[in-house]
């Protein structure tokens, strides 16, 4: 229930900041704004520590799936293409749907359909998804070592989000809007 509450809080913050819009996602992909990436890095850092705490208390289980290099690479590429075409990631898509955005309906339907097709086709494509590298994870058998890894990971993400990305942010005007990019010369 605590995770549900944090999820609702995160969604409200993202929606209030308008991070769930097509323009925000595209501007992020074009590296014109970093706030979407910053919010995601902070969310992953906080949830990593929270999940590890829940894991230590016995409330969570780490069930890592096998790593197939080709399958994960192709899947990530298809995921990225879908985000680029639709302008939403899964989280922002559900927020857009809640706001009544019809394009999100097609994105969700496409994701469900793609998942169903992959499930049916899995036996045929299994030989092509690459060798099984096993269940790769950073959790060590020693809980103290695992805690150090998790805390270092979270600290690294927070440093990137709060120190490095703001220094590289695109210039904004006094009202906080992005300054327009300088015109580029046509290539000939």
Protein backbone atom coordinates (compact mmCIF):
# COMPACT_ATOMS: atom_id res chain seq x y z
CA UNK A 1 0.00 0.00 0.00
CA UNK A 2 2.95 2.31 0.67
CA UNK A 3 4.26 1.72 -2.86
CA UNK A 4 0.81 2.53 -4.25
CA UNK A 5 0.83 5.83 -2.34
CA UNK A 6 4.29 6.73 -3.65
CA UNK A 7 3.14 5.84 -7.18
CA UNK A 8 0.14 8.15 -6.90
CA UNK A 9 2.36 10.95 -5.53
CA UNK A 10 4.86 10.48 -8.37
CA UNK A 11 2.08 10.55 -10.98
CA UNK A 12 0.60 13.72 -9.50
CA UNK A 13 3.98 15.46 -9.50
CA UNK A 14 4.68 14.37 -13.08
CA UNK A 15 1.23 15.46 -14.22
CA UNK A 16 1.46 18.80 -12.41
CA UNK A 17 4.84 19.46 -14.03
CA UNK A 18 3.37 18.42 -17.42
CA UNK A 19 6.02 15.78 -17.89
CA UNK A 20 3.44 13.47 -19.44
CA UNK A 21 2.96 15.45 -22.64
CA UNK A 22 4.10 14.58 -26.13
CA UNK A 23 6.12 17.82 -26.27
CA UNK A 24 7.95 17.00 -23.04
CA UNK A 25 8.90 13.49 -24.19
CA UNK A 26 10.02 14.68 -27.64
CA UNK A 27 12.03 17.58 -26.15
CA UNK A 28 13.68 15.06 -23.83
CA UNK A 29 14.54 12.77 -26.75
CA UNK A 30 16.02 15.75 -28.61
CA UNK A 31 18.00 16.63 -25.46
CA UNK A 32 16.33 20.04 -25.21
CA UNK A 33 15.07 19.48 -21.68
CA UNK A 34 16.27 17.33 -18.85
CA UNK A 35 13.50 17.54 -16.28
CA UNK A 36 11.85 14.28 -17.40
CA UNK A 37 15.16 12.46 -17.05
CA UNK A 38 15.82 14.14 -13.70
CA UNK A 39 12.44 13.08 -12.31
CA UNK A 40 12.95 9.51 -13.54
CA UNK A 41 16.46 9.29 -12.06
CA UNK A 42 15.23 10.55 -8.69
CA UNK A 43 12.30 8.11 -8.81
CA UNK A 44 14.59 5.17 -9.59
CA UNK A 45 17.06 6.19 -6.87
CA UNK A 46 14.36 6.49 -4.21
CA UNK A 47 12.54 3.34 -5.28
CA UNK A 48 15.82 1.36 -5.36
CA UNK A 49 16.50 2.16 -1.73
CA UNK A 50 12.84 1.59 -0.77
CA UNK A 51 12.72 -1.75 -2.58
CA UNK A 52 15.96 -2.88 -0.97
CA UNK A 53 14.58 -1.98 2.45
CA UNK A 54 11.44 -3.96 1.70
CA UNK A 55 13.62 -6.85 0.48
CA UNK A 56 15.64 -6.81 3.71
CA UNK A 57 12.43 -6.92 5.75
CA UNK A 58 11.21 -9.94 3.77
CA UNK A 59 8.42 -8.10 2.00
CA UNK A 60 9.89 -8.43 -1.50
CA UNK A 61 11.51 -11.17 -3.54
CA UNK A 62 14.21 -10.67 -6.15
CA UNK A 63 13.26 -12.82 -9.14
CA UNK A 64 15.65 -11.85 -11.93
CA UNK A 65 14.82 -13.05 -15.43
CA UNK A 66 17.51 -14.50 -17.71
CA UNK A 67 19.49 -12.00 -19.78
CA UNK A 68 19.35 -12.61 -23.53
CA UNK A 69 21.59 -10.01 -25.19
CA UNK A 70 19.95 -9.98 -28.63
CA UNK A 71 16.42 -10.27 -27.25
CA UNK A 72 16.92 -7.43 -24.78
CA UNK A 73 18.65 -5.25 -27.40
CA UNK A 74 15.93 -5.75 -30.02
CA UNK A 75 13.21 -5.32 -27.40
CA UNK A 76 14.80 -2.08 -26.18
CA UNK A 77 15.10 -0.81 -29.75
CA UNK A 78 11.42 -1.59 -30.46
CA UNK A 79 10.44 0.05 -27.17
CA UNK A 80 12.43 3.18 -28.08
CA UNK A 81 10.86 3.32 -31.54
CA UNK A 82 7.42 3.07 -29.96
CA UNK A 83 8.19 5.89 -27.52
CA UNK A 84 9.55 8.05 -30.35
CA UNK A 85 6.53 7.46 -32.59
CA UNK A 86 3.90 7.82 -29.89
CA UNK A 87 5.63 10.43 -27.76
CA UNK A 88 4.79 8.61 -24.53
CA UNK A 89 6.52 6.07 -22.33
CA UNK A 90 4.26 3.56 -20.50
CA UNK A 91 3.93 5.71 -17.39
CA UNK A 92 3.15 8.94 -19.20
CA UNK A 93 0.81 7.05 -21.53
CA UNK A 94 -1.42 5.98 -18.66
CA UNK A 95 -1.44 9.56 -17.36
CA UNK A 96 -2.39 10.82 -20.83
CA UNK A 97 -5.16 8.22 -21.00
CA UNK A 98 -6.49 9.40 -17.64
CA UNK A 99 -6.59 12.93 -19.08
CA UNK A 100 -8.65 11.69 -22.03
CA UNK A 101 -5.94 11.57 -24.69
CA UNK A 102 -7.13 9.24 -27.45
CA UNK A 103 -3.66 8.63 -28.89
CA UNK A 104 -2.78 6.90 -25.62
CA UNK A 105 -5.56 4.36 -26.30
CA UNK A 106 -3.79 3.31 -29.49
CA UNK A 107 -0.45 3.13 -27.72
CA UNK A 108 -1.82 0.91 -24.96
CA UNK A 109 -3.66 -1.27 -27.49
CA UNK A 110 -0.47 -1.57 -29.55
CA UNK A 111 1.56 -2.54 -26.49
CA UNK A 112 -0.95 -5.21 -25.46
CA UNK A 113 -1.14 -6.53 -29.03
CA UNK A 114 2.66 -6.64 -29.36
CA UNK A 115 2.92 -8.50 -26.05
CA UNK A 116 0.31 -11.02 -27.18
CA UNK A 117 2.05 -11.56 -30.52
CA UNK A 118 5.41 -12.07 -28.80
CA UNK A 119 3.86 -14.54 -26.35
CA UNK A 120 2.42 -16.61 -29.20
CA UNK A 121 5.57 -16.31 -31.34
CA UNK A 122 8.04 -16.96 -28.48
CA UNK A 123 8.63 -20.67 -29.26
CA UNK A 124 9.52 -19.76 -32.86
CA UNK A 125 11.75 -16.77 -32.02
CA UNK A 126 13.47 -18.30 -28.97
CA UNK A 127 16.46 -19.61 -30.98
CA UNK A 128 17.09 -16.09 -32.33
CA UNK A 129 17.07 -14.08 -29.08
CA UNK A 130 20.63 -14.99 -28.25
CA UNK A 131 22.46 -16.97 -25.64
CA UNK A 132 21.18 -17.04 -22.07
CA UNK A 133 23.66 -15.13 -19.89
CA UNK A 134 21.76 -16.16 -16.78
CA UNK A 135 20.19 -14.12 -14.04
CA UNK A 136 22.44 -11.08 -13.79
CA UNK A 137 21.95 -8.83 -10.78
CA UNK A 138 24.00 -6.72 -8.43
CA UNK A 139 22.72 -8.23 -5.19
CA UNK A 140 25.47 -10.11 -3.40
CA UNK A 141 24.94 -12.94 -0.97
CA UNK A 142 26.19 -10.59 1.76
CA UNK A 143 23.50 -8.07 2.71
CA UNK A 144 26.02 -5.44 3.81
CA UNK A 145 27.73 -5.55 0.40
CA UNK A 146 24.33 -5.39 -1.31
CA UNK A 147 23.39 -2.35 0.80
CA UNK A 148 26.60 -0.58 -0.23
CA UNK A 149 25.90 -1.34 -3.90
CA UNK A 150 22.30 -0.08 -3.67
CA UNK A 151 23.26 3.08 -1.81
CA UNK A 152 26.11 3.82 -4.23
CA UNK A 153 23.76 3.27 -7.17
CA UNK A 154 21.13 5.60 -5.68
CA UNK A 155 23.75 8.24 -4.85
CA UNK A 156 25.11 8.09 -8.40
CA UNK A 157 21.62 8.55 -9.90
CA UNK A 158 20.88 11.45 -7.55
CA UNK A 159 24.20 13.10 -8.40
CA UNK A 160 23.45 12.85 -12.11
CA UNK A 161 19.90 14.16 -11.63
CA UNK A 162 20.65 17.00 -9.25
CA UNK A 163 24.19 18.09 -10.15
CA UNK A 164 25.20 17.05 -13.65
CA UNK A 165 21.97 17.47 -15.66
CA UNK A 166 21.08 20.95 -14.32
CA UNK A 167 24.50 22.18 -15.43
CA UNK A 168 23.79 20.91 -18.95
CA UNK A 169 20.22 22.19 -19.17
CA UNK A 170 19.07 23.99 -22.24
CA UNK A 171 18.91 27.79 -21.91
CA UNK A 172 15.58 29.21 -20.78
CA UNK A 173 14.13 32.72 -20.86
CA UNK A 174 13.03 34.70 -17.77
CA UNK A 175 9.60 32.99 -17.80
CA UNK A 176 11.24 29.56 -17.69
CA UNK A 177 10.38 28.62 -21.29
CA UNK A 178 13.04 27.13 -23.51
CA UNK A 179 14.85 29.63 -25.68
CA UNK A 180 14.42 28.80 -29.36
CA UNK A 181 17.29 27.00 -31.00
CA UNK A 182 19.35 29.12 -33.39
CA UNK A 183 18.44 28.59 -37.03
CA UNK A 184 20.55 26.08 -38.87
CA UNK A 185 21.84 26.59 -42.34
CA UNK A 186 20.38 24.31 -44.99
CA UNK A 187 22.69 21.60 -46.20
CA UNK A 188 23.38 21.67 -49.85
